[in-house]
Amino acid sequence: MVRPDPPRGAVPVDDGHRGLWWTQSLCRGILISVGVTWTDSADKHEIPHNEALYAMSHPHFIVTEFGKPRIGDVPPTLFIGPSRFGTLEVLAVIRPPGDVHIFHVMPLRESTRAAAGYEGE
């Protein structure tokens, strides 16, 4: 199977090498058209919600099944992206078609970088 060329500006999604790509327009559309909820733990590191949403909508790296389910039966999605607070790691449970539950937001840790296989800055 030949993997198609990515759309311009797309970020590869670690999805088991099925050839999925996450684009900023796709992400913005999803975040605008769904209900986003936050746990208290997402606010633990005092990162403003708009910074987490920015990191999610401008990702450097995404892992769609990052570890075992922590809330319910859906594995979390890891977003690594930029913010005014440095590069962030954001963990969310995404249930199509319209539920994004964010439960973890903090500056990117080396342990998360290594576990995700992220080699960027």
PDB file of N, CA and C in Angstrom:
ATOM      1  N   MET A   1       0.847  -1.178   0.000  1.00  0.00           N
ATOM      2  CA  MET A   1       0.000   0.000   0.000  1.00  0.00           C
ATOM      3  C   MET A   1       0.887   1.233   0.000  1.00  0.00           C
ATOM      4  N   VAL A   2       0.600   2.172  -0.868  1.00  0.00           N
ATOM      5  CA  VAL A   2       1.364   3.404  -0.961  1.00  0.00           C
ATOM      6  C   VAL A   2       0.697   4.460  -0.094  1.00  0.00           C
ATOM      7  N   ARG A   3       1.484   5.071   0.779  1.00  0.00           N
ATOM      8  CA  ARG A   3       0.951   6.112   1.653  1.00  0.00           C
ATOM      9  C   ARG A   3       0.851   7.415   0.862  1.00  0.00           C
ATOM     10  N   PRO A   4      -0.315   8.067   0.855  1.00  0.00           N
ATOM     11  CA  PRO A   4      -0.467   9.288   0.073  1.00  0.00           C
ATOM     12  C   PRO A   4       0.352  10.425   0.660  1.00  0.00           C
ATOM     13  N   ASP A   5       0.687  11.398  -0.188  1.00  0.00           N
ATOM     14  CA  ASP A   5       1.376  12.583   0.302  1.00  0.00           C
ATOM     15  C   ASP A   5       0.449  13.330   1.252  1.00  0.00           C
ATOM     16  N   PRO A   6       1.024  13.913   2.312  1.00  0.00           N
ATOM     17  CA  PRO A   6       0.181  14.624   3.275  1.00  0.00           C
ATOM     18  C   PRO A   6      -0.323  15.946   2.708  1.00  0.00           C
ATOM     19  N   PRO A   7      -1.451  16.419   3.213  1.00  0.00           N
ATOM     20  CA  PRO A   7      -1.889  17.759   2.864  1.00  0.00           C
ATOM     21  C   PRO A   7      -0.860  18.776   3.366  1.00  0.00           C
ATOM     22  N   ARG A   8      -0.804  19.929   2.739  1.00  0.00           N
ATOM     23  CA  ARG A   8       0.141  20.972   3.151  1.00  0.00           C
ATOM     24  C   ARG A   8      -0.100  21.359   4.610  1.00  0.00           C
ATOM     25  N   GLY A   9       0.968  21.355   5.408  1.00  0.00           N
ATOM     26  CA  GLY A   9       0.881  21.737   6.806  1.00  0.00           C
ATOM     27  C   GLY A   9       0.315  20.675   7.720  1.00  0.00           C
ATOM     28  N   ALA A  10       0.135  19.464   7.224  1.00  0.00           N
ATOM     29  CA  ALA A  10      -0.472  18.409   8.034  1.00  0.00           C
ATOM     30  C   ALA A  10       0.547  17.809   8.995  1.00  0.00           C
ATOM     31  N   VAL A  11       0.029  17.291  10.082  1.00  0.00           N
ATOM     32  CA  VAL A  11       0.836  16.622  11.095  1.00  0.00           C
ATOM     33  C   VAL A  11       0.495  15.141  11.032  1.00  0.00           C
ATOM     34  N   PRO A  12       1.510  14.259  10.961  1.00  0.00           N
ATOM     35  CA  PRO A  12       1.189  12.835  10.944  1.00  0.00           C
ATOM     36  C   PRO A  12       0.587  12.399  12.274  1.00  0.00           C
ATOM     37  N   VAL A  13      -0.390  11.539  12.198  1.00  0.00           N
ATOM     38  CA  VAL A  13      -1.031  10.992  13.385  1.00  0.00           C
ATOM     39  C   VAL A  13      -0.490   9.597  13.601  1.00  0.00           C
ATOM     40  N   ASP A  14      -0.022   9.314  14.817  1.00  0.00           N
ATOM     41  CA  ASP A  14       0.473   7.983  15.139  1.00  0.00           C
ATOM     42  C   ASP A  14      -0.735   7.083  15.330  1.00  0.00           C
ATOM     43  N   ASP A  15      -1.155   6.451  14.243  1.00  0.00           N
ATOM     44  CA  ASP A  15      -2.388   5.673  14.249  1.00  0.00           C
ATOM     45  C   ASP A  15      -2.156   4.240  13.800  1.00  0.00           C
ATOM     46  N   GLY A  16      -0.950   3.762  13.963  1.00  0.00           N
ATOM     47  CA  GLY A  16      -0.655   2.424  13.482  1.00  0.00           C
ATOM     48  C   GLY A  16      -0.302   2.422  12.007  1.00  0.00           C
ATOM     49  N   HIS A  17       0.123   3.568  11.503  1.00  0.00           N
ATOM     50  CA  HIS A  17       0.623   3.702  10.125  1.00  0.00           C
ATOM     51  C   HIS A  17      -0.451   3.469   9.069  1.00  0.00           C
ATOM     52  N   ARG A  18      -1.655   3.944   9.343  1.00  0.00           N
ATOM     53  CA  ARG A  18      -2.726   3.836   8.350  1.00  0.00           C
ATOM     54  C   ARG A  18      -2.738   5.023   7.393  1.00  0.00           C
ATOM     55  N   GLY A  19      -1.865   5.996   7.604  1.00  0.00           N
ATOM     56  CA  GLY A  19      -1.786   7.113   6.684  1.00  0.00           C
ATOM     57  C   GLY A  19      -2.724   8.254   7.003  1.00  0.00           C
ATOM     58  N   LEU A  20      -3.066   8.445   8.276  1.00  0.00           N
ATOM     59  CA  LEU A  20      -3.932   9.560   8.644  1.00  0.00           C
ATOM     60  C   LEU A  20      -3.102  10.810   8.898  1.00  0.00           C
ATOM     61  N   TRP A  21      -3.702  11.958   8.608  1.00  0.00           N
ATOM     62  CA  TRP A  21      -3.037  13.246   8.812  1.00  0.00           C
ATOM     63  C   TRP A  21      -4.002  14.188   9.503  1.00  0.00           C
ATOM     64  N   TRP A  22      -3.498  15.000  10.386  1.00  0.00           N
ATOM     65  CA  TRP A  22      -4.294  15.961  11.146  1.00  0.00           C
ATOM     66  C   TRP A  22      -3.945  17.339  10.614  1.00  0.00           C
ATOM     67  N   THR A  23      -4.915  18.037  10.069  1.00  0.00           N
ATOM     68  CA  THR A  23      -4.650  19.372   9.540  1.00  0.00           C
ATOM     69  C   THR A  23      -5.216  20.420  10.486  1.00  0.00           C
ATOM     70  N   GLN A  24      -4.660  21.616  10.439  1.00  0.00           N
ATOM     71  CA  GLN A  24      -5.135  22.686  11.306  1.00  0.00           C
ATOM     72  C   GLN A  24      -6.605  22.985  11.034  1.00  0.00           C
ATOM     73  N   SER A  25      -7.003  23.003   9.772  1.00  0.00           N
ATOM     74  CA  SER A  25      -8.404  23.308   9.475  1.00  0.00           C
ATOM     75  C   SER A  25      -9.317  22.211  10.007  1.00  0.00           C
ATOM     76  N   LEU A  26      -8.900  20.953   9.914  1.00  0.00           N
ATOM     77  CA  LEU A  26      -9.688  19.860  10.465  1.00  0.00           C
ATOM     78  C   LEU A  26      -9.817  20.016  11.971  1.00  0.00           C
ATOM     79  N   CYS A  27      -8.701  20.280  12.640  1.00  0.00           N
ATOM     80  CA  CYS A  27      -8.711  20.413  14.089  1.00  0.00           C
ATOM     81  C   CYS A  27      -9.558  21.600  14.521  1.00  0.00           C
ATOM     82  N   ARG A  28      -9.381  22.739  13.874  1.00  0.00           N
ATOM     83  CA  ARG A  28     -10.175  23.916  14.235  1.00  0.00           C
ATOM     84  C   ARG A  28     -11.662  23.625  14.057  1.00  0.00           C
ATOM     85  N   GLY A  29     -12.006  22.952  12.962  1.00  0.00           N
ATOM     86  CA  GLY A  29     -13.402  22.612  12.727  1.00  0.00           C
ATOM     87  C   GLY A  29     -13.957  21.710  13.805  1.00  0.00           C
ATOM     88  N   ILE A  30     -13.166  20.741  14.240  1.00  0.00           N
ATOM     89  CA  ILE A  30     -13.610  19.829  15.289  1.00  0.00           C
ATOM     90  C   ILE A  30     -13.791  20.587  16.596  1.00  0.00           C
ATOM     91  N   LEU A  31     -12.807  21.423  16.968  1.00  0.00           N
ATOM     92  CA  LEU A  31     -12.881  22.128  18.245  1.00  0.00           C
ATOM     93  C   LEU A  31     -14.004  23.162  18.263  1.00  0.00           C
ATOM     94  N   ILE A  32     -14.321  23.723  17.118  1.00  0.00           N
ATOM     95  CA  ILE A  32     -15.390  24.717  17.057  1.00  0.00           C
ATOM     96  C   ILE A  32     -16.755  24.052  17.111  1.00  0.00           C
ATOM     97  N   SER A  33     -16.880  22.883  16.500  1.00  0.00           N
ATOM     98  CA  SER A  33     -18.198  22.277  16.348  1.00  0.00           C
ATOM     99  C   SER A  33     -18.549  21.243  17.417  1.00  0.00           C
ATOM    100  N   VAL A  34     -17.741  21.105  18.438  1.00  0.00           N
ATOM    101  CA  VAL A  34     -18.023  20.105  19.465  1.00  0.00           C
ATOM    102  C   VAL A  34     -18.121  20.751  20.838  1.00  0.00           C
ATOM    103  N   GLY A  35     -18.576  19.950  21.783  1.00  0.00           N
ATOM    104  CA  GLY A  35     -18.591  20.393  23.162  1.00  0.00           C
ATOM    105  C   GLY A  35     -17.269  20.033  23.819  1.00  0.00           C
ATOM    106  N   VAL A  36     -16.564  21.038  24.326  1.00  0.00           N
ATOM    107  CA  VAL A  36     -15.300  20.799  25.013  1.00  0.00           C
ATOM    108  C   VAL A  36     -15.541  20.959  26.506  1.00  0.00           C
ATOM    109  N   THR A  37     -15.164  19.926  27.267  1.00  0.00           N
ATOM    110  CA  THR A  37     -15.282  19.990  28.723  1.00  0.00           C
ATOM    111  C   THR A  37     -13.904  19.816  29.335  1.00  0.00           C
ATOM    112  N   TRP A  38     -13.771  20.283  30.571  1.00  0.00           N
ATOM    113  CA  TRP A  38     -12.484  20.292  31.269  1.00  0.00           C
ATOM    114  C   TRP A  38     -12.642  19.689  32.658  1.00  0.00           C
ATOM    115  N   THR A  39     -11.679  18.880  33.079  1.00  0.00           N
ATOM    116  CA  THR A  39     -11.662  18.401  34.459  1.00  0.00           C
ATOM    117  C   THR A  39     -10.877  19.388  35.304  1.00  0.00           C
ATOM    118  N   ASP A  40     -11.031  19.291  36.613  1.00  0.00           N
ATOM    119  CA  ASP A  40     -10.238  20.132  37.511  1.00  0.00           C
ATOM    120  C   ASP A  40      -8.753  19.854  37.330  1.00  0.00           C
ATOM    121  N   SER A  41      -8.400  18.592  37.039  1.00  0.00           N
ATOM    122  CA  SER A  41      -6.979  18.254  36.879  1.00  0.00           C
ATOM    123  C   SER A  41      -6.361  18.955  35.665  1.00  0.00           C
ATOM    124  N   ALA A  42      -7.165  19.318  34.664  1.00  0.00           N
ATOM    125  CA  ALA A  42      -6.647  20.029  33.501  1.00  0.00           C
ATOM    126  C   ALA A  42      -6.158  21.425  33.879  1.00  0.00           C
ATOM    127  N   ASP A  43      -6.670  21.956  34.984  1.00  0.00           N
ATOM    128  CA  ASP A  43      -6.287  23.302  35.436  1.00  0.00           C
ATOM    129  C   ASP A  43      -5.177  23.292  36.484  1.00  0.00           C
ATOM    130  N   LYS A  44      -4.697  22.121  36.837  1.00  0.00           N
ATOM    131  CA  LYS A  44      -3.708  21.977  37.913  1.00  0.00           C
ATOM    132  C   LYS A  44      -2.458  22.830  37.690  1.00  0.00           C
ATOM    133  N   HIS A  45      -2.014  22.956  36.444  1.00  0.00           N
ATOM    134  CA  HIS A  45      -0.777  23.681  36.146  1.00  0.00           C
ATOM    135  C   HIS A  45      -1.028  25.122  35.701  1.00  0.00           C
ATOM    136  N   GLU A  46      -2.277  25.561  35.848  1.00  0.00           N
ATOM    137  CA  GLU A  46      -2.682  26.949  35.594  1.00  0.00           C
ATOM    138  C   GLU A  46      -2.383  27.429  34.174  1.00  0.00           C
ATOM    139  N   ILE A  47      -2.517  26.524  33.216  1.00  0.00           N
ATOM    140  CA  ILE A  47      -2.399  26.890  31.801  1.00  0.00           C
ATOM    141  C   ILE A  47      -3.802  27.326  31.346  1.00  0.00           C
ATOM    142  N   PRO A  48      -3.957  28.536  30.814  1.00  0.00           N
ATOM    143  CA  PRO A  48      -5.280  28.974  30.368  1.00  0.00           C
ATOM    144  C   PRO A  48      -5.860  28.055  29.288  1.00  0.00           C
ATOM    145  N   HIS A  49      -7.170  27.897  29.318  1.00  0.00           N
ATOM    146  CA  HIS A  49      -7.845  27.012  28.362  1.00  0.00           C
ATOM    147  C   HIS A  49      -7.552  27.398  26.916  1.00  0.00           C
ATOM    148  N   ASN A  50      -7.505  28.701  26.637  1.00  0.00           N
ATOM    149  CA  ASN A  50      -7.258  29.106  25.249  1.00  0.00           C
ATOM    150  C   ASN A  50      -5.873  28.684  24.782  1.00  0.00           C
ATOM    151  N   GLU A  51      -4.913  28.584  25.682  1.00  0.00           N
ATOM    152  CA  GLU A  51      -3.570  28.125  25.307  1.00  0.00           C
ATOM    153  C   GLU A  51      -3.588  26.632  24.977  1.00  0.00           C
ATOM    154  N   ALA A  52      -4.347  25.857  25.756  1.00  0.00           N
ATOM    155  CA  ALA A  52      -4.467  24.424  25.475  1.00  0.00           C
ATOM    156  C   ALA A  52      -5.170  24.201  24.139  1.00  0.00           C
ATOM    157  N   LEU A  53      -6.226  24.955  23.885  1.00  0.00           N
ATOM    158  CA  LEU A  53      -6.939  24.821  22.609  1.00  0.00           C
ATOM    159  C   LEU A  53      -6.054  25.238  21.441  1.00  0.00           C
ATOM    160  N   TYR A  54      -5.231  26.255  21.644  1.00  0.00           N
ATOM    161  CA  TYR A  54      -4.302  26.670  20.592  1.00  0.00           C
ATOM    162  C   TYR A  54      -3.305  25.543  20.293  1.00  0.00           C
ATOM    163  N   ALA A  55      -2.762  24.942  21.352  1.00  0.00           N
ATOM    164  CA  ALA A  55      -1.818  23.835  21.164  1.00  0.00           C
ATOM    165  C   ALA A  55      -2.479  22.678  20.419  1.00  0.00           C
ATOM    166  N   MET A  56      -3.738  22.409  20.726  1.00  0.00           N
ATOM    167  CA  MET A  56      -4.460  21.322  20.062  1.00  0.00           C
ATOM    168  C   MET A  56      -4.758  21.652  18.598  1.00  0.00           C
ATOM    169  N   SER A  57      -5.000  22.907  18.306  1.00  0.00           N
ATOM    170  CA  SER A  57      -5.362  23.280  16.938  1.00  0.00           C
ATOM    171  C   SER A  57      -4.155  23.606  16.062  1.00  0.00           C
ATOM    172  N   HIS A  58      -2.957  23.637  16.663  1.00  0.00           N
ATOM    173  CA  HIS A  58      -1.708  23.860  15.927  1.00  0.00           C
ATOM    174  C   HIS A  58      -0.677  22.813  16.355  1.00  0.00           C
ATOM    175  N   PRO A  59      -1.032  21.533  16.297  1.00  0.00           N
ATOM    176  CA  PRO A  59      -0.180  20.500  16.886  1.00  0.00           C
ATOM    177  C   PRO A  59       1.113  20.274  16.102  1.00  0.00           C
ATOM    178  N   HIS A  60       2.160  19.969  16.853  1.00  0.00           N
ATOM    179  CA  HIS A  60       3.411  19.497  16.263  1.00  0.00           C
ATOM    180  C   HIS A  60       3.356  17.977  16.116  1.00  0.00           C
ATOM    181  N   PHE A  61       2.562  17.323  17.004  1.00  0.00           N
ATOM    182  CA  PHE A  61       2.554  15.868  17.063  1.00  0.00           C
ATOM    183  C   PHE A  61       1.277  15.413  17.754  1.00  0.00           C
ATOM    184  N   ILE A  62       0.711  14.306  17.287  1.00  0.00           N
ATOM    185  CA  ILE A  62      -0.505  13.748  17.886  1.00  0.00           C
ATOM    186  C   ILE A  62      -0.357  12.232  17.969  1.00  0.00           C
ATOM    187  N   VAL A  63      -0.765  11.679  19.102  1.00  0.00           N
ATOM    188  CA  VAL A  63      -0.862  10.223  19.250  1.00  0.00           C
ATOM    189  C   VAL A  63      -2.317   9.929  19.593  1.00  0.00           C
ATOM    190  N   THR A  64      -3.008   9.226  18.708  1.00  0.00           N
ATOM    191  CA  THR A  64      -4.447   9.035  18.884  1.00  0.00           C
ATOM    192  C   THR A  64      -4.818   8.055  19.991  1.00  0.00           C
ATOM    193  N   GLU A  65      -3.959   7.127  20.318  1.00  0.00           N
ATOM    194  CA  GLU A  65      -4.228   6.203  21.425  1.00  0.00           C
ATOM    195  C   GLU A  65      -3.006   6.188  22.323  1.00  0.00           C
ATOM    196  N   PHE A  66      -2.927   7.176  23.223  1.00  0.00           N
ATOM    197  CA  PHE A  66      -1.767   7.344  24.084  1.00  0.00           C
ATOM    198  C   PHE A  66      -2.030   6.650  25.415  1.00  0.00           C
ATOM    199  N   GLY A  67      -1.686   5.389  25.460  1.00  0.00           N
ATOM    200  CA  GLY A  67      -1.858   4.618  26.682  1.00  0.00           C
ATOM    201  C   GLY A  67      -3.258   4.040  26.820  1.00  0.00           C
ATOM    202  N   LYS A  68      -3.523   3.532  28.004  1.00  0.00           N
ATOM    203  CA  LYS A  68      -4.804   2.896  28.296  1.00  0.00           C
ATOM    204  C   LYS A  68      -5.851   3.950  28.652  1.00  0.00           C
ATOM    205  N   PRO A  69      -7.126   3.596  28.499  1.00  0.00           N
ATOM    206  CA  PRO A  69      -8.190   4.532  28.888  1.00  0.00           C
ATOM    207  C   PRO A  69      -8.047   4.958  30.348  1.00  0.00           C
ATOM    208  N   ARG A  70      -8.255   6.246  30.596  1.00  0.00           N
ATOM    209  CA  ARG A  70      -8.197   6.778  31.956  1.00  0.00           C
ATOM    210  C   ARG A  70      -9.558   7.264  32.415  1.00  0.00           C
ATOM    211  N   ILE A  71     -10.371   7.667  31.451  1.00  0.00           N
ATOM    212  CA  ILE A  71     -11.732   8.118  31.736  1.00  0.00           C
ATOM    213  C   ILE A  71     -12.643   7.311  30.822  1.00  0.00           C
ATOM    214  N   GLY A  72     -13.411   6.411  31.385  1.00  0.00           N
ATOM    215  CA  GLY A  72     -14.273   5.569  30.556  1.00  0.00           C
ATOM    216  C   GLY A  72     -13.478   4.529  29.802  1.00  0.00           C
ATOM    217  N   ASP A  73     -13.927   4.223  28.581  1.00  0.00           N
ATOM    218  CA  ASP A  73     -13.322   3.134  27.818  1.00  0.00           C
ATOM    219  C   ASP A  73     -12.565   3.588  26.581  1.00  0.00           C
ATOM    220  N   VAL A  74     -12.371   4.914  26.410  1.00  0.00           N
ATOM    221  CA  VAL A  74     -11.705   5.444  25.229  1.00  0.00           C
ATOM    222  C   VAL A  74     -10.280   5.873  25.594  1.00  0.00           C
ATOM    223  N   PRO A  75      -9.269   5.364  24.883  1.00  0.00           N
ATOM    224  CA  PRO A  75      -7.897   5.810  25.163  1.00  0.00           C
ATOM    225  C   PRO A  75      -7.751   7.301  24.875  1.00  0.00           C
ATOM    226  N   PRO A  76      -6.934   7.990  25.645  1.00  0.00           N
ATOM    227  CA  PRO A  76      -6.767   9.425  25.415  1.00  0.00           C
ATOM    228  C   PRO A  76      -5.955   9.709  24.156  1.00  0.00           C
ATOM    229  N   THR A  77      -6.171  10.895  23.617  1.00  0.00           N
ATOM    230  CA  THR A  77      -5.375  11.407  22.508  1.00  0.00           C
ATOM    231  C   THR A  77      -4.402  12.428  23.081  1.00  0.00           C
ATOM    232  N   LEU A  78      -3.134  12.301  22.713  1.00  0.00           N
ATOM    233  CA  LEU A  78      -2.098  13.239  23.145  1.00  0.00           C
ATOM    234  C   LEU A  78      -1.856  14.247  22.037  1.00  0.00           C
ATOM    235  N   PHE A  79      -1.914  15.524  22.398  1.00  0.00           N
ATOM    236  CA  PHE A  79      -1.549  16.615  21.496  1.00  0.00           C
ATOM    237  C   PHE A  79      -0.300  17.276  22.055  1.00  0.00           C
ATOM    238  N   ILE A  80       0.708  17.470  21.238  1.00  0.00           N
ATOM    239  CA  ILE A  80       1.893  18.236  21.610  1.00  0.00           C
ATOM    240  C   ILE A  80       1.902  19.449  20.695  1.00  0.00           C
ATOM    241  N   GLY A  81       1.820  20.637  21.305  1.00  0.00           N
ATOM    242  CA  GLY A  81       1.727  21.827  20.480  1.00  0.00           C
ATOM    243  C   GLY A  81       2.220  23.072  21.192  1.00  0.00           C
ATOM    244  N   PRO A  82       2.319  24.170  20.452  1.00  0.00           N
ATOM    245  CA  PRO A  82       2.897  25.403  20.977  1.00  0.00           C
ATOM    246  C   PRO A  82       1.911  26.215  21.815  1.00  0.00           C
ATOM    247  N   SER A  83       2.469  27.051  22.683  1.00  0.00           N
ATOM    248  CA  SER A  83       1.674  28.012  23.440  1.00  0.00           C
ATOM    249  C   SER A  83       2.612  29.118  23.914  1.00  0.00           C
ATOM    250  N   ARG A  84       2.043  30.135  24.522  1.00  0.00           N
ATOM    251  CA  ARG A  84       2.871  31.198  25.111  1.00  0.00           C
ATOM    252  C   ARG A  84       3.575  30.710  26.372  1.00  0.00           C
ATOM    253  N   PHE A  85       3.238  29.516  26.830  1.00  0.00           N
ATOM    254  CA  PHE A  85       3.849  28.919  28.015  1.00  0.00           C
ATOM    255  C   PHE A  85       4.866  27.846  27.628  1.00  0.00           C
ATOM    256  N   GLY A  86       5.268  27.828  26.371  1.00  0.00           N
ATOM    257  CA  GLY A  86       6.161  26.798  25.860  1.00  0.00           C
ATOM    258  C   GLY A  86       5.347  25.679  25.230  1.00  0.00           C
ATOM    259  N   THR A  87       6.029  24.628  24.836  1.00  0.00           N
ATOM    260  CA  THR A  87       5.349  23.493  24.218  1.00  0.00           C
ATOM    261  C   THR A  87       4.527  22.763  25.280  1.00  0.00           C
ATOM    262  N   LEU A  88       3.272  22.468  24.938  1.00  0.00           N
ATOM    263  CA  LEU A  88       2.366  21.824  25.885  1.00  0.00           C
ATOM    264  C   LEU A  88       2.093  20.378  25.503  1.00  0.00           C
ATOM    265  N   GLU A  89       1.761  19.592  26.519  1.00  0.00           N
ATOM    266  CA  GLU A  89       1.169  18.273  26.322  1.00  0.00           C
ATOM    267  C   GLU A  89      -0.268  18.374  26.808  1.00  0.00           C
ATOM    268  N   VAL A  90      -1.183  17.992  25.942  1.00  0.00           N
ATOM    269  CA  VAL A  90      -2.609  18.054  26.258  1.00  0.00           C
ATOM    270  C   VAL A  90      -3.179  16.660  26.020  1.00  0.00           C
ATOM    271  N   LEU A  91      -3.849  16.126  27.025  1.00  0.00           N
ATOM    272  CA  LEU A  91      -4.502  14.829  26.909  1.00  0.00           C
ATOM    273  C   LEU A  91      -6.014  15.029  26.943  1.00  0.00           C
ATOM    274  N   ALA A  92      -6.679  14.410  25.982  1.00  0.00           N
ATOM    275  CA  ALA A  92      -8.126  14.539  25.882  1.00  0.00           C
ATOM    276  C   ALA A  92      -8.738  13.215  25.455  1.00  0.00           C
ATOM    277  N   VAL A  93      -9.947  12.982  25.929  1.00  0.00           N
ATOM    278  CA  VAL A  93     -10.740  11.861  25.460  1.00  0.00           C
ATOM    279  C   VAL A  93     -11.674  12.425  24.404  1.00  0.00           C
ATOM    280  N   ILE A  94     -11.607  11.865  23.203  1.00  0.00           N
ATOM    281  CA  ILE A  94     -12.414  12.347  22.091  1.00  0.00           C
ATOM    282  C   ILE A  94     -13.405  11.264  21.711  1.00  0.00           C
ATOM    283  N   ARG A  95     -14.686  11.619  21.804  1.00  0.00           N
ATOM    284  CA  ARG A  95     -15.764  10.693  21.436  1.00  0.00           C
ATOM    285  C   ARG A  95     -16.565  11.320  20.297  1.00  0.00           C
ATOM    286  N   PRO A  96     -16.340  10.829  19.078  1.00  0.00           N
ATOM    287  CA  PRO A  96     -17.103  11.373  17.959  1.00  0.00           C
ATOM    288  C   PRO A  96     -18.598  11.125  18.181  1.00  0.00           C
ATOM    289  N   PRO A  97     -19.463  11.962  17.683  1.00  0.00           N
ATOM    290  CA  PRO A  97     -19.117  13.061  16.793  1.00  0.00           C
ATOM    291  C   PRO A  97     -18.858  14.382  17.496  1.00  0.00           C
ATOM    292  N   GLY A  98     -19.124  14.508  18.803  1.00  0.00           N
ATOM    293  CA  GLY A  98     -19.042  15.863  19.329  1.00  0.00           C
ATOM    294  C   GLY A  98     -18.640  16.023  20.771  1.00  0.00           C
ATOM    295  N   ASP A  99     -17.733  15.201  21.283  1.00  0.00           N
ATOM    296  CA  ASP A  99     -17.359  15.327  22.688  1.00  0.00           C
ATOM    297  C   ASP A  99     -15.845  15.288  22.828  1.00  0.00           C
ATOM    298  N   VAL A 100     -15.273  16.362  23.371  1.00  0.00           N
ATOM    299  CA  VAL A 100     -13.845  16.426  23.670  1.00  0.00           C
ATOM    300  C   VAL A 100     -13.736  16.756  25.153  1.00  0.00           C
ATOM    301  N   HIS A 101     -13.143  15.844  25.902  1.00  0.00           N
ATOM    302  CA  HIS A 101     -13.015  15.998  27.357  1.00  0.00           C
ATOM    303  C   HIS A 101     -11.525  16.121  27.691  1.00  0.00           C
ATOM    304  N   ILE A 102     -11.089  17.322  28.031  1.00  0.00           N
ATOM    305  CA  ILE A 102      -9.676  17.588  28.302  1.00  0.00           C
ATOM    306  C   ILE A 102      -9.411  17.388  29.793  1.00  0.00           C
ATOM    307  N   PHE A 103      -8.434  16.526  30.098  1.00  0.00           N
ATOM    308  CA  PHE A 103      -8.165  16.217  31.504  1.00  0.00           C
ATOM    309  C   PHE A 103      -6.724  16.455  31.932  1.00  0.00           C
ATOM    310  N   HIS A 104      -5.852  16.864  31.014  1.00  0.00           N
ATOM    311  CA  HIS A 104      -4.445  17.065  31.382  1.00  0.00           C
ATOM    312  C   HIS A 104      -3.830  18.115  30.467  1.00  0.00           C
ATOM    313  N   VAL A 105      -3.269  19.165  31.076  1.00  0.00           N
ATOM    314  CA  VAL A 105      -2.588  20.218  30.323  1.00  0.00           C
ATOM    315  C   VAL A 105      -1.390  20.669  31.146  1.00  0.00           C
ATOM    316  N   MET A 106      -0.200  20.596  30.543  1.00  0.00           N
ATOM    317  CA  MET A 106       0.993  21.083  31.230  1.00  0.00           C
ATOM    318  C   MET A 106       2.130  21.232  30.230  1.00  0.00           C
ATOM    319  N   PRO A 107       3.206  21.925  30.635  1.00  0.00           N
ATOM    320  CA  PRO A 107       4.378  21.978  29.751  1.00  0.00           C
ATOM    321  C   PRO A 107       4.878  20.563  29.456  1.00  0.00           C
ATOM    322  N   LEU A 108       5.353  20.373  28.241  1.00  0.00           N
ATOM    323  CA  LEU A 108       5.809  19.057  27.792  1.00  0.00           C
ATOM    324  C   LEU A 108       6.941  18.534  28.670  1.00  0.00           C
ATOM    325  N   ARG A 109       6.764  17.325  29.185  1.00  0.00           N
ATOM    326  CA  ARG A 109       7.790  16.663  29.995  1.00  0.00           C
ATOM    327  C   ARG A 109       8.628  15.750  29.118  1.00  0.00           C
ATOM    328  N   GLU A 110       9.859  15.519  29.528  1.00  0.00           N
ATOM    329  CA  GLU A 110      10.738  14.601  28.796  1.00  0.00           C
ATOM    330  C   GLU A 110      10.161  13.191  28.789  1.00  0.00           C
ATOM    331  N   SER A 111       9.516  12.794  29.883  1.00  0.00           N
ATOM    332  CA  SER A 111       8.935  11.444  29.933  1.00  0.00           C
ATOM    333  C   SER A 111       7.821  11.283  28.898  1.00  0.00           C
ATOM    334  N   THR A 112       7.028  12.319  28.699  1.00  0.00           N
ATOM    335  CA  THR A 112       5.955  12.260  27.692  1.00  0.00           C
ATOM    336  C   THR A 112       6.568  12.276  26.297  1.00  0.00           C
ATOM    337  N   ARG A 113       7.567  13.132  26.107  1.00  0.00           N
ATOM    338  CA  ARG A 113       8.268  13.205  24.813  1.00  0.00           C
ATOM    339  C   ARG A 113       8.787  11.810  24.424  1.00  0.00           C
ATOM    340  N   ALA A 114       9.418  11.140  25.368  1.00  0.00           N
ATOM    341  CA  ALA A 114       9.999   9.828  25.088  1.00  0.00           C
ATOM    342  C   ALA A 114       8.914   8.779  24.853  1.00  0.00           C
ATOM    343  N   ALA A 115       7.877   8.774  25.691  1.00  0.00           N
ATOM    344  CA  ALA A 115       6.813   7.783  25.553  1.00  0.00           C
ATOM    345  C   ALA A 115       6.073   7.925  24.222  1.00  0.00           C
ATOM    346  N   ALA A 116       5.944   9.161  23.749  1.00  0.00           N
ATOM    347  CA  ALA A 116       5.242   9.422  22.487  1.00  0.00           C
ATOM    348  C   ALA A 116       6.131   9.230  21.255  1.00  0.00           C
ATOM    349  N   GLY A 117       7.439   9.250  21.474  1.00  0.00           N
ATOM    350  CA  GLY A 117       8.351   9.178  20.336  1.00  0.00           C
ATOM    351  C   GLY A 117       8.492  10.503  19.611  1.00  0.00           C
ATOM    352  N   TYR A 118       8.227  11.589  20.319  1.00  0.00           N
ATOM    353  CA  TYR A 118       8.298  12.928  19.732  1.00  0.00           C
ATOM    354  C   TYR A 118       9.742  13.417  19.752  1.00  0.00           C
ATOM    355  N   GLU A 119      10.246  13.810  18.597  1.00  0.00           N
ATOM    356  CA  GLU A 119      11.648  14.250  18.488  1.00  0.00           C
ATOM    357  C   GLU A 119      11.784  15.743  18.224  1.00  0.00           C
ATOM    358  N   GLY A 120      10.687  16.479  18.239  1.00  0.00           N
ATOM    359  CA  GLY A 120      10.735  17.913  17.983  1.00  0.00           C
ATOM    360  C   GLY A 120      11.204  18.685  19.210  1.00  0.00           C
ATOM    361  N   GLU A 121      11.184  19.983  19.045  1.00  0.00           N
ATOM    362  CA  GLU A 121      11.633  20.862  20.151  1.00  0.00           C
ATOM    363  C   GLU A 121      10.574  20.992  21.221  1.00  0.00           C
TER     364      GLU A 121
END
